[in-house]
N, C-alpha and C. Protein backbone atom coordinates (compact mmCIF):
# COMPACT_ATOMS: atom_id res chain seq x y z
N MET A 1 0.59 -1.04 0.24
CA MET A 1 0.00 0.01 0.31
C MET A 1 1.04 1.48 0.24
N SER A 2 0.77 2.19 -0.85
CA SER A 2 1.42 3.22 -1.10
C SER A 2 0.65 4.38 -0.74
N VAL A 3 1.01 5.44 0.29
CA VAL A 3 -0.09 6.59 0.48
C VAL A 3 1.07 7.90 -0.36
N ARG A 4 0.39 8.62 -0.39
CA ARG A 4 0.93 9.94 -0.95
C ARG A 4 0.16 11.05 -0.68
N PHE A 5 0.58 11.95 0.19
CA PHE A 5 0.24 13.16 0.14
C PHE A 5 0.13 14.65 -0.05
N THR A 6 1.50 14.32 -0.46
CA THR A 6 2.14 15.40 -1.34
C THR A 6 2.87 15.11 -2.75
N TRP A 7 2.75 16.01 -3.45
CA TRP A 7 3.34 16.10 -5.05
C TRP A 7 5.11 15.94 -4.68
N LEU A 8 5.29 16.61 -3.95
CA LEU A 8 7.28 16.57 -3.80
C LEU A 8 7.20 15.52 -2.84
N ARG A 9 8.29 14.77 -3.22
CA ARG A 9 9.22 13.47 -2.56
C ARG A 9 9.87 14.46 -1.03
N PRO A 10 9.77 13.35 -0.27
CA PRO A 10 9.77 13.86 1.01
C PRO A 10 11.63 14.59 1.02
N GLY A 11 12.21 15.10 -0.11
CA GLY A 11 13.46 16.22 0.30
C GLY A 11 13.06 17.12 -0.75
N GLY A 12 11.85 17.51 -1.33
CA GLY A 12 11.75 18.00 -2.14
C GLY A 12 11.29 19.55 -1.37
N TRP A 13 10.41 19.73 -0.37
CA TRP A 13 10.35 20.35 0.75
C TRP A 13 11.59 20.69 1.21
N GLY A 14 12.61 20.08 1.58
CA GLY A 14 14.31 21.24 1.92
C GLY A 14 14.33 22.01 0.95
N ARG A 15 14.41 21.17 -0.48
CA ARG A 15 15.00 22.38 -2.02
C ARG A 15 14.05 22.98 -1.96
N LEU A 16 13.17 23.38 -1.58
CA LEU A 16 11.98 24.27 -1.86
C LEU A 16 11.91 25.62 -0.87
N GLY A 17 12.69 25.17 -0.12
CA GLY A 17 13.16 25.85 1.18
C GLY A 17 14.37 26.92 0.89
N VAL A 18 15.30 25.86 0.12
CA VAL A 18 16.55 26.33 -0.25
C VAL A 18 16.40 27.39 -0.98
N VAL A 19 15.18 26.94 -2.25
CA VAL A 19 14.59 27.83 -3.85
C VAL A 19 13.92 29.43 -2.46
N VAL A 20 13.50 29.19 -1.89
CA VAL A 20 12.98 30.79 -1.31
C VAL A 20 14.05 31.34 -0.45
N ALA A 21 15.17 30.62 -0.07
CA ALA A 21 15.83 31.36 0.51
C ALA A 21 16.19 32.14 -0.20
N VAL A 22 17.32 31.42 -1.17
CA VAL A 22 17.57 32.24 -2.45
C VAL A 22 17.12 33.17 -3.13
N GLY A 23 16.29 33.31 -2.97
CA GLY A 23 15.00 34.07 -3.49
C GLY A 23 15.54 35.60 -2.52
N ILE A 24 15.23 35.26 -1.64
CA ILE A 24 15.27 35.97 -0.24
C ILE A 24 16.67 37.09 -0.63
N LEU A 25 17.57 36.18 -0.34
CA LEU A 25 19.30 36.74 -0.69
C LEU A 25 19.54 37.65 -2.27
N PHE A 26 18.34 37.44 -3.47
CA PHE A 26 18.26 38.55 -4.51
C PHE A 26 17.61 39.05 -4.23
N LEU A 27 16.41 39.29 -3.32
CA LEU A 27 15.28 39.93 -3.07
C LEU A 27 15.82 41.43 -2.06
N THR A 28 16.85 41.16 -1.71
CA THR A 28 17.06 42.15 -0.44
C THR A 28 17.63 43.37 -1.12
N PRO A 29 18.58 43.08 -1.92
CA PRO A 29 19.15 44.37 -2.52
C PRO A 29 18.85 45.28 -3.82
N MET A 30 17.59 44.49 -4.24
CA MET A 30 16.61 44.78 -4.89
C MET A 30 15.70 45.93 -3.93
N LEU A 31 14.99 45.30 -2.75
CA LEU A 31 14.15 45.98 -2.32
C LEU A 31 14.98 47.03 -1.33
N TRP A 32 16.35 46.88 -1.14
CA TRP A 32 17.06 48.32 -0.51
C TRP A 32 17.75 49.25 -1.63
N ALA A 33 17.76 48.84 -2.54
CA ALA A 33 17.77 50.12 -3.54
C ALA A 33 16.75 50.79 -4.23
N LEU A 34 15.60 50.01 -3.92
CA LEU A 34 14.33 50.62 -4.20
C LEU A 34 13.67 51.76 -3.00
N GLY A 35 14.44 51.68 -2.13
CA GLY A 35 14.23 52.16 -0.51
C GLY A 35 13.28 51.97 0.42
N ALA A 36 12.79 50.55 0.09
CA ALA A 36 11.70 49.50 0.67
C ALA A 36 12.27 49.71 2.28
N PHE A 37 13.38 49.67 2.64
CA PHE A 37 14.18 49.77 4.30
C PHE A 37 14.65 51.37 4.92
N GLY A 38 14.35 52.17 3.98
CA GLY A 38 14.13 53.37 4.78
C GLY A 38 15.30 54.28 4.12
N ASP A 39 15.82 54.85 4.80
CA ASP A 39 17.57 55.99 4.24
C ASP A 39 18.49 55.85 5.55
N GLY A 40 19.61 56.35 4.95
CA GLY A 40 20.18 56.32 6.03
C GLY A 40 21.15 54.63 6.17
N ASP A 41 21.84 54.61 7.52
CA ASP A 41 22.38 53.61 8.03
C ASP A 41 21.38 52.68 8.71
N ASP A 42 20.26 53.23 8.90
CA ASP A 42 19.50 52.27 9.66
C ASP A 42 18.25 51.26 8.65
N ALA A 43 18.97 51.89 7.55
CA ALA A 43 17.90 50.96 6.56
C ALA A 43 19.25 49.62 6.26
N ILE A 44 20.48 49.96 6.11
CA ILE A 44 21.31 48.94 6.32
C ILE A 44 21.04 47.61 6.86
N ARG A 45 20.71 47.98 8.44
CA ARG A 45 20.30 47.49 9.49
C ARG A 45 18.96 46.78 8.87
N ARG A 46 18.01 47.40 8.85
CA ARG A 46 17.15 46.61 8.42
C ARG A 46 16.83 45.53 7.35
N ALA A 47 17.78 46.04 6.27
CA ALA A 47 17.94 45.29 5.38
C ALA A 47 19.22 43.57 5.67
N LEU A 48 19.79 43.99 6.61
CA LEU A 48 20.46 42.86 7.00
C LEU A 48 19.62 41.77 7.97
N ILE A 49 18.72 42.24 8.35
CA ILE A 49 17.95 41.45 9.61
C ILE A 49 16.87 41.13 8.49
N PHE A 50 16.40 41.85 7.31
CA PHE A 50 15.28 40.99 6.83
C PHE A 50 15.98 39.75 6.25
N LEU A 51 17.15 39.83 5.47
CA LEU A 51 17.92 38.77 4.56
C LEU A 51 18.03 37.97 5.58
N PHE A 52 18.79 37.98 6.71
CA PHE A 52 19.05 36.47 7.58
C PHE A 52 17.61 36.17 8.01
N ALA A 53 16.52 36.74 8.21
CA ALA A 53 15.68 36.25 8.98
C ALA A 53 14.36 35.50 7.53
N GLY A 54 14.99 36.19 6.21
CA GLY A 54 14.22 35.58 5.32
C GLY A 54 14.90 34.27 4.65
N LEU A 55 16.22 34.02 5.20
CA LEU A 55 16.96 32.85 5.12
C LEU A 55 16.54 31.84 6.00
N TRP A 56 16.41 32.21 7.53
CA TRP A 56 15.86 30.92 8.53
C TRP A 56 14.56 30.62 7.83
N PHE A 57 14.02 31.53 7.79
CA PHE A 57 12.55 31.53 7.50
C PHE A 57 12.90 30.28 6.08
N GLY A 58 13.21 30.47 5.02
CA GLY A 58 12.96 29.85 3.76
C GLY A 58 13.29 27.87 4.05
N VAL A 59 14.42 27.96 4.86
CA VAL A 59 15.06 26.81 5.05
C VAL A 59 14.60 26.41 6.18
N GLY A 60 13.96 26.84 7.39
CA GLY A 60 13.45 26.27 8.83
C GLY A 60 12.33 25.78 7.79
N VAL A 61 11.18 26.16 7.36
CA VAL A 61 9.96 26.26 7.35
C VAL A 61 10.02 24.95 6.10
N GLY A 62 11.06 25.50 5.25
CA GLY A 62 10.80 23.76 4.62
C GLY A 62 11.38 22.75 4.64
N TYR A 63 12.43 22.74 5.87
CA TYR A 63 13.14 21.26 6.51
C TYR A 63 11.59 20.75 7.41
N SER A 64 11.03 22.01 8.07
CA SER A 64 9.96 21.13 8.74
C SER A 64 8.42 21.02 8.74
N ILE A 65 8.39 21.48 7.59
CA ILE A 65 7.15 21.11 6.74
C ILE A 65 7.48 19.43 5.93
N GLY A 66 8.66 19.29 5.74
CA GLY A 66 8.73 18.10 5.17
C GLY A 66 8.95 16.95 6.10
N TRP A 67 9.35 17.26 7.00
CA TRP A 67 9.42 16.53 8.45
C TRP A 67 7.73 16.08 9.50
N ALA A 68 7.56 17.15 9.03
CA ALA A 68 5.73 17.63 9.87
C ALA A 68 5.18 16.49 9.14
N LEU A 69 5.06 16.50 7.64
CA LEU A 69 4.03 15.51 6.68
C LEU A 69 4.82 14.34 6.60
N HIS A 70 5.95 14.18 6.65
CA HIS A 70 6.57 13.02 7.07
C HIS A 70 6.33 11.76 7.85
N GLY A 71 5.85 12.19 9.08
CA GLY A 71 5.11 12.12 10.18
C GLY A 71 3.68 11.88 9.70
N PHE A 72 3.29 12.47 9.13
CA PHE A 72 1.67 12.33 9.27
C PHE A 72 1.39 11.36 8.10
N VAL A 73 2.46 10.98 7.41
CA VAL A 73 2.01 10.52 6.20
C VAL A 73 2.50 8.54 6.94
N ILE A 74 3.38 8.56 7.70
CA ILE A 74 3.53 7.29 8.81
C ILE A 74 2.38 6.98 9.58
N ARG A 75 1.92 7.85 9.87
CA ARG A 75 0.80 7.61 11.86
C ARG A 75 -0.64 7.42 10.53
N SER A 76 -0.92 7.67 9.11
CA SER A 76 -2.07 7.42 9.06
C SER A 76 -2.14 6.29 8.01
N ARG A 77 -0.43 6.13 7.26
CA ARG A 77 -0.59 4.63 7.27
C ARG A 77 -0.68 3.19 8.27
N ASP A 78 0.02 3.82 9.01
CA ASP A 78 -0.28 2.98 10.44
C ASP A 78 -1.71 3.03 10.51
N HIS A 79 -2.27 4.26 10.61
CA HIS A 79 -3.73 3.92 10.88
C HIS A 79 -4.45 3.23 10.20
N ASP A 80 -4.45 3.17 8.75
CA ASP A 80 -4.35 2.51 7.86
C ASP A 80 -5.03 0.69 8.29
N GLU A 81 -3.72 0.65 8.25
CA GLU A 81 -3.11 -0.82 8.81
C GLU A 81 -3.76 -1.24 9.94
N ASP A 82 -3.90 -0.51 11.18
CA ASP A 82 -4.81 -0.80 12.05
C ASP A 82 -6.16 -0.81 11.98
N GLU A 83 -6.88 -0.18 10.73
CA GLU A 83 -8.65 -0.88 10.14
C GLU A 83 -8.77 -2.19 9.77
N GLU A 84 -7.38 -2.48 8.90
CA GLU A 84 -7.33 -3.82 8.08
C GLU A 84 -6.94 -5.07 8.94
N ALA A 85 -6.91 -4.37 10.10
CA ALA A 85 -6.50 -5.69 11.45
C ALA A 85 -7.40 -6.49 11.06
N GLY A 86 -8.53 -6.34 10.84
CA GLY A 86 -9.69 -7.78 11.38
C GLY A 86 -9.64 -8.69 10.19
N ARG A 87 -9.45 -8.30 8.78
CA ARG A 87 -8.98 -9.21 7.70
C ARG A 87 -7.90 -9.75 7.87
N PRO A 88 -7.73 -10.88 6.99
CA PRO A 88 -6.33 -12.10 7.15
C PRO A 88 -5.93 -10.89 5.44
N ALA A 89 -4.41 -11.07 6.18
CA ALA A 89 -3.38 -10.61 4.90
C ALA A 89 -2.94 -11.45 4.17
N ALA A 90 -3.05 -11.27 2.90
CA ALA A 90 -2.01 -12.10 2.02
C ALA A 90 -1.07 -12.10 1.98
N ARG A 91 -0.37 -13.10 2.35
CA ARG A 91 1.35 -12.81 2.33
C ARG A 91 1.28 -13.76 1.06
N PRO A 92 2.30 -13.18 -0.22
CA PRO A 92 2.94 -13.80 -1.52
C PRO A 92 4.08 -14.48 -0.96
N GLY A 93 3.71 -15.72 -1.82
CA GLY A 93 5.03 -16.50 -1.75
C GLY A 93 6.18 -16.08 -2.23
N PRO A 94 7.33 -16.84 -1.42
CA PRO A 94 8.66 -16.46 -2.20
C PRO A 94 8.60 -16.14 -3.94
N SER A 95 9.58 -15.57 -4.23
CA SER A 95 9.51 -15.02 -6.06
C SER A 95 10.39 -16.22 -6.56
N SER A 96 11.22 -16.58 -5.70
CA SER A 96 11.88 -17.44 -6.06
C SER A 96 13.42 -18.45 -4.79
N PRO A 97 13.47 -19.27 -5.27
CA PRO A 97 14.04 -20.22 -3.85
C PRO A 97 14.83 -19.76 -3.69
N PRO A 98 15.53 -20.10 -2.16
CA PRO A 98 16.50 -19.73 -1.82
C PRO A 98 17.81 -20.05 -2.33
N ARG A 99 19.03 -19.25 -2.48
CA ARG A 99 20.20 -19.84 -3.30
C ARG A 99 20.76 -20.07 -2.02
N PRO A 100 21.70 -21.38 -2.55
CA PRO A 100 22.70 -22.32 -1.86
C PRO A 100 23.82 -21.11 -1.32
N ALA A 101 24.61 -22.15 -0.41
CA ALA A 101 24.98 -21.15 0.20
C ALA A 101 26.59 -21.38 -0.02
N ALA A 102 27.33 -19.83 -0.65
CA ALA A 102 28.53 -19.82 -1.79
C ALA A 102 29.38 -20.59 -0.93
N HIS A 103 29.87 -20.88 0.04
CA HIS A 103 30.55 -21.56 1.24
C HIS A 103 29.95 -23.31 1.53
N PRO A 104 30.79 -23.60 2.09
CA PRO A 104 30.43 -25.18 2.68
C PRO A 104 30.38 -24.44 4.08
N PRO A 105 29.20 -24.75 5.06
CA PRO A 105 29.69 -24.27 6.66
C PRO A 105 30.35 -25.10 6.90
N GLY A 106 31.20 -24.45 7.87
CA GLY A 106 32.23 -24.82 8.53
C GLY A 106 32.09 -26.03 9.62
N ARG A 107 33.37 -26.86 10.15
CA ARG A 107 33.44 -27.75 10.98
C ARG A 107 33.99 -27.21 12.32
């Protein structure tokens, strides 16, 4: 049984967070040049705070969403198996006979 909750692979959320962080890295100087952070020396401090907060936000949220959704999928998969516990599970037979030992047993 395969359960898919998100269109992204488990590592995809982390990558998305890195993309957001890189976007913030390029967005900060553009906003600073447009004067979005104000004027003077205080503007540089605001821009740096925005930059580092955006980097932390992008990477942190990306990895935490992936971690949280992975835990949710595992729990829902376990929950579905508990509901099906009343039915006997069909076990597939071995696909091929076991291979003989490569070395004879030691004495």
